[in-house]
């Protein structure tokens, strides 16, 4: 048994599971992946030994249990990466944390109307509220790239937790045909071209479990 274990749900649907999984992969941290199919009659029973909330994702590090995607990413950065999950400059770090927190807590219409589905591929007209949320995300991505992205292709140049929190949105935007500005679209393509994002998408497309109302995923 590895010291570091990550419990995730279906790759096809579990957007929040993707965030810490991508962080671990990008920083080449060895971990055991435990995947539990969501939406099944025995999902809660299988999650019981790992997750206090009976939801995913969950990180198990020796005797420590961390749940909630952003909390897990913060823990990984603090305890396993020496803080390098965030930009090093205080201003960039503060902005990156604000971006990650906003994505984590806001955009309810996006999460409801355009849920993560790696198999989806069709244009879906957004509601007025969703259109506003897409415009806000476009503004975040574009602004960060213009102000902080000179030293790399990600939001703050090099890869950070802010990119982890944005990756599932890129999958959704591509799946449902979001219209973005040039800067935001270029960044979206950067995320989609990431080899680990590609791996997640391809594995998600191979899954067979059907979608169900009983969605067991942490934010």
Protein backbone atom coordinates (compact mmCIF):
# COMPACT_ATOMS: atom_id res chain seq x y z
CA UNK A 1 0.00 0.00 0.00
CA UNK A 2 1.40 3.42 -0.99
CA UNK A 3 1.62 6.23 1.56
CA UNK A 4 -0.45 8.41 -0.75
CA UNK A 5 -3.87 7.31 -2.02
CA UNK A 6 -6.44 9.30 -3.97
CA UNK A 7 -10.06 8.14 -4.04
CA UNK A 8 -11.90 9.38 -7.11
CA UNK A 9 -15.18 8.77 -8.91
CA UNK A 10 -15.98 8.19 -12.55
CA UNK A 11 -13.56 10.04 -14.79
CA UNK A 12 -16.36 10.73 -17.24
CA UNK A 13 -18.45 12.70 -14.75
CA UNK A 14 -16.46 13.57 -11.63
CA UNK A 15 -15.07 16.99 -12.41
CA UNK A 16 -13.80 17.60 -8.88
CA UNK A 17 -11.93 14.30 -8.80
CA UNK A 18 -9.97 15.53 -11.79
CA UNK A 19 -8.44 18.51 -9.92
CA UNK A 20 -6.17 16.77 -7.36
CA UNK A 21 -5.51 13.87 -9.75
CA UNK A 22 -4.13 16.34 -12.29
CA UNK A 23 -2.01 18.10 -9.67
CA UNK A 24 -0.43 14.82 -8.54
CA UNK A 25 0.27 13.82 -12.13
CA UNK A 26 1.74 17.18 -13.15
CA UNK A 27 4.16 17.18 -10.22
CA UNK A 28 5.06 13.53 -10.71
CA UNK A 29 3.96 12.39 -7.26
CA UNK A 30 3.52 8.65 -6.93
CA UNK A 31 0.12 7.65 -5.58
CA UNK A 32 -2.38 4.82 -5.56
CA UNK A 33 -5.57 5.60 -7.43
CA UNK A 34 -8.74 4.14 -5.96
CA UNK A 35 -11.69 4.58 -8.28
CA UNK A 36 -15.20 3.99 -7.01
CA UNK A 37 -18.08 4.07 -9.46
CA UNK A 38 -20.64 6.69 -8.51
CA UNK A 39 -24.40 6.47 -9.00
CA UNK A 40 -24.50 2.81 -7.93
CA UNK A 41 -26.59 1.22 -5.17
CA UNK A 42 -23.45 0.35 -3.21
CA UNK A 43 -21.50 3.60 -3.80
CA UNK A 44 -21.96 4.91 -0.25
CA UNK A 45 -20.95 1.53 1.18
CA UNK A 46 -17.75 1.49 -0.86
CA UNK A 47 -16.90 5.09 0.03
CA UNK A 48 -17.50 4.53 3.74
CA UNK A 49 -14.00 3.26 4.62
CA UNK A 50 -12.38 6.24 2.91
CA UNK A 51 -14.60 9.30 2.94
CA UNK A 52 -16.16 10.99 6.00
CA UNK A 53 -18.58 12.79 3.67
CA UNK A 54 -19.28 9.67 1.55
CA UNK A 55 -18.21 11.73 -1.44
CA UNK A 56 -15.17 12.06 -3.69
CA UNK A 57 -12.41 13.07 -4.03
CA UNK A 58 -10.58 12.01 -0.87
CA UNK A 59 -6.82 12.00 -0.23
CA UNK A 60 -5.31 9.54 2.23
CA UNK A 61 -1.76 10.32 3.32
CA UNK A 62 -0.57 7.91 5.97
CA UNK A 63 -2.89 8.63 8.93
CA UNK A 64 -4.28 11.87 7.44
CA UNK A 65 -7.55 12.09 5.50
CA UNK A 66 -8.38 15.16 3.43
CA UNK A 67 -11.58 15.67 1.47
CA UNK A 68 -12.87 18.42 -0.86
CA UNK A 69 -10.93 19.07 -4.06
CA UNK A 70 -9.48 22.46 -3.17
CA UNK A 71 -8.53 21.35 0.34
CA UNK A 72 -6.75 18.34 -1.14
CA UNK A 73 -4.83 20.50 -3.61
CA UNK A 74 -3.86 22.89 -0.82
CA UNK A 75 -2.64 19.98 1.30
CA UNK A 76 -0.62 18.51 -1.55
CA UNK A 77 1.02 21.87 -2.17
CA UNK A 78 1.76 22.56 1.49
CA UNK A 79 2.88 19.12 2.61
CA UNK A 80 4.28 17.43 -0.49
CA UNK A 81 5.40 20.21 -2.85
CA UNK A 82 6.87 22.78 -0.51
CA UNK A 83 4.22 25.29 -1.57
CA UNK A 84 5.02 25.04 -5.29
CA UNK A 85 1.43 24.25 -6.21
CA UNK A 86 0.97 28.04 -6.23
CA UNK A 87 2.97 30.81 -7.88
CA UNK A 88 5.84 31.97 -5.68
CA UNK A 89 5.26 35.73 -6.00
CA UNK A 90 2.83 36.94 -3.30
CA UNK A 91 0.62 38.93 -5.71
CA UNK A 92 0.41 36.07 -8.18
CA UNK A 93 -0.22 33.57 -5.40
CA UNK A 94 -3.03 35.68 -3.95
CA UNK A 95 -4.66 36.02 -7.36
CA UNK A 96 -4.26 32.32 -8.14
CA UNK A 97 -5.85 31.35 -4.83
CA UNK A 98 -8.73 33.75 -5.47
CA UNK A 99 -9.27 32.27 -8.94
CA UNK A 100 -9.24 28.71 -7.60
CA UNK A 101 -11.62 29.60 -4.78
CA UNK A 102 -14.05 31.36 -7.12
CA UNK A 103 -14.16 28.40 -9.49
CA UNK A 104 -14.60 26.10 -6.51
CA UNK A 105 -17.53 27.99 -4.98
CA UNK A 106 -19.24 29.84 -7.82
CA UNK A 107 -20.68 29.12 -11.29
CA UNK A 108 -23.65 26.99 -10.17
CA UNK A 109 -25.43 27.28 -13.51
CA UNK A 110 -22.43 25.91 -15.40
CA UNK A 111 -22.22 22.99 -13.00
CA UNK A 112 -25.94 22.28 -13.44
CA UNK A 113 -26.55 22.93 -17.13
CA UNK A 114 -23.19 21.86 -18.61
CA UNK A 115 -21.96 19.08 -16.30
CA UNK A 116 -18.71 17.24 -16.90
CA UNK A 117 -19.15 14.59 -19.57
CA UNK A 118 -16.06 13.52 -21.49
CA UNK A 119 -18.24 11.76 -24.07
CA UNK A 120 -20.36 14.81 -24.93
CA UNK A 121 -19.72 16.64 -28.18
CA UNK A 122 -22.47 18.98 -29.34
CA UNK A 123 -23.35 22.65 -29.28
CA UNK A 124 -25.79 23.57 -26.55
CA UNK A 125 -27.10 27.12 -26.36
CA UNK A 126 -26.43 28.57 -22.90
CA UNK A 127 -29.16 30.18 -20.84
CA UNK A 128 -28.80 33.87 -20.02
CA UNK A 129 -27.41 33.03 -16.59
CA UNK A 130 -24.94 30.52 -18.00
CA UNK A 131 -23.89 33.04 -20.64
CA UNK A 132 -22.98 35.44 -17.82
CA UNK A 133 -20.96 32.75 -16.04
CA UNK A 134 -19.10 31.83 -19.22
CA UNK A 135 -18.27 35.50 -19.75
CA UNK A 136 -16.93 35.73 -16.19
CA UNK A 137 -14.70 32.67 -16.69
CA UNK A 138 -13.53 34.09 -20.02
CA UNK A 139 -12.59 37.32 -18.24
CA UNK A 140 -10.70 35.46 -15.50
CA UNK A 141 -8.74 33.35 -17.95
CA UNK A 142 -7.99 36.22 -20.33
CA UNK A 143 -6.96 38.63 -17.59
CA UNK A 144 -4.66 36.14 -15.88
CA UNK A 145 -3.00 35.19 -19.14
CA UNK A 146 -2.38 38.82 -20.10
CA UNK A 147 -1.12 39.91 -16.68
CA UNK A 148 0.71 36.86 -15.38
CA UNK A 149 1.21 34.35 -18.18
CA UNK A 150 4.39 35.63 -19.83
CA UNK A 151 6.62 32.81 -18.54
CA UNK A 152 4.54 29.87 -19.73
CA UNK A 153 1.27 28.73 -21.26
CA UNK A 154 -0.83 28.45 -18.11
CA UNK A 155 -2.79 31.09 -16.17
CA UNK A 156 0.25 32.21 -14.17
CA UNK A 157 2.94 31.03 -16.55
CA UNK A 158 3.85 27.70 -15.01
CA UNK A 159 1.22 25.14 -14.01
CA UNK A 160 -0.56 25.73 -10.68
CA UNK A 161 -3.63 24.72 -8.70
CA UNK A 162 -5.57 27.43 -10.54
CA UNK A 163 -5.08 25.38 -13.72
CA UNK A 164 -6.21 22.22 -11.94
CA UNK A 165 -9.44 23.94 -10.99
CA UNK A 166 -9.91 25.22 -14.55
CA UNK A 167 -9.25 21.95 -16.40
CA UNK A 168 -12.72 20.45 -15.98
CA UNK A 169 -14.25 23.70 -17.24
CA UNK A 170 -12.16 23.41 -20.41
CA UNK A 171 -13.56 19.90 -20.92
CA UNK A 172 -17.12 21.19 -20.47
CA UNK A 173 -16.58 24.20 -22.72
CA UNK A 174 -15.27 22.01 -25.52
CA UNK A 175 -18.02 19.44 -25.05
CA UNK A 176 -20.89 21.94 -25.24
CA UNK A 177 -19.42 24.46 -27.66
CA UNK A 178 -18.72 27.55 -25.55
CA UNK A 179 -17.79 30.67 -27.52
CA UNK A 180 -14.74 32.34 -26.01
CA UNK A 181 -12.42 35.25 -26.69
CA UNK A 182 -9.14 34.54 -28.45
CA UNK A 183 -7.06 34.61 -25.25
CA UNK A 184 -9.46 32.38 -23.32
CA UNK A 185 -9.79 29.95 -26.21
CA UNK A 186 -6.00 29.64 -26.51
CA UNK A 187 -5.75 28.86 -22.81
CA UNK A 188 -8.58 26.33 -23.06
CA UNK A 189 -6.67 24.56 -25.83
CA UNK A 190 -3.53 24.56 -23.67
CA UNK A 191 -5.44 22.67 -21.00
CA UNK A 192 -7.03 20.28 -23.47
CA UNK A 193 -3.63 19.55 -25.03
CA UNK A 194 -2.11 18.72 -21.65
CA UNK A 195 -1.17 15.00 -21.85
CA UNK A 196 -2.69 14.20 -18.46
CA UNK A 197 -5.94 16.00 -19.29
CA UNK A 198 -5.99 14.01 -22.52
CA UNK A 199 -5.43 10.81 -20.57
CA UNK A 200 -8.29 11.62 -18.19
CA UNK A 201 -10.64 12.39 -21.08
CA UNK A 202 -9.74 9.21 -22.96
CA UNK A 203 -10.20 7.04 -19.88
CA UNK A 204 -13.50 8.77 -19.13
CA UNK A 205 -14.78 8.05 -22.61
CA UNK A 206 -14.15 4.34 -22.09
CA UNK A 207 -16.27 4.11 -18.95
CA UNK A 208 -19.64 2.41 -19.16
CA UNK A 209 -21.44 3.46 -15.97
CA UNK A 210 -24.67 5.39 -16.75
CA UNK A 211 -25.45 8.82 -15.36
CA UNK A 212 -27.73 8.89 -12.33
CA UNK A 213 -29.38 11.49 -10.12
CA UNK A 214 -27.47 10.13 -7.14
CA UNK A 215 -24.31 12.18 -7.65
CA UNK A 216 -21.69 11.66 -4.95
CA UNK A 217 -18.94 14.18 -5.53
CA UNK A 218 -17.38 16.76 -3.28
CA UNK A 219 -16.64 20.20 -4.60
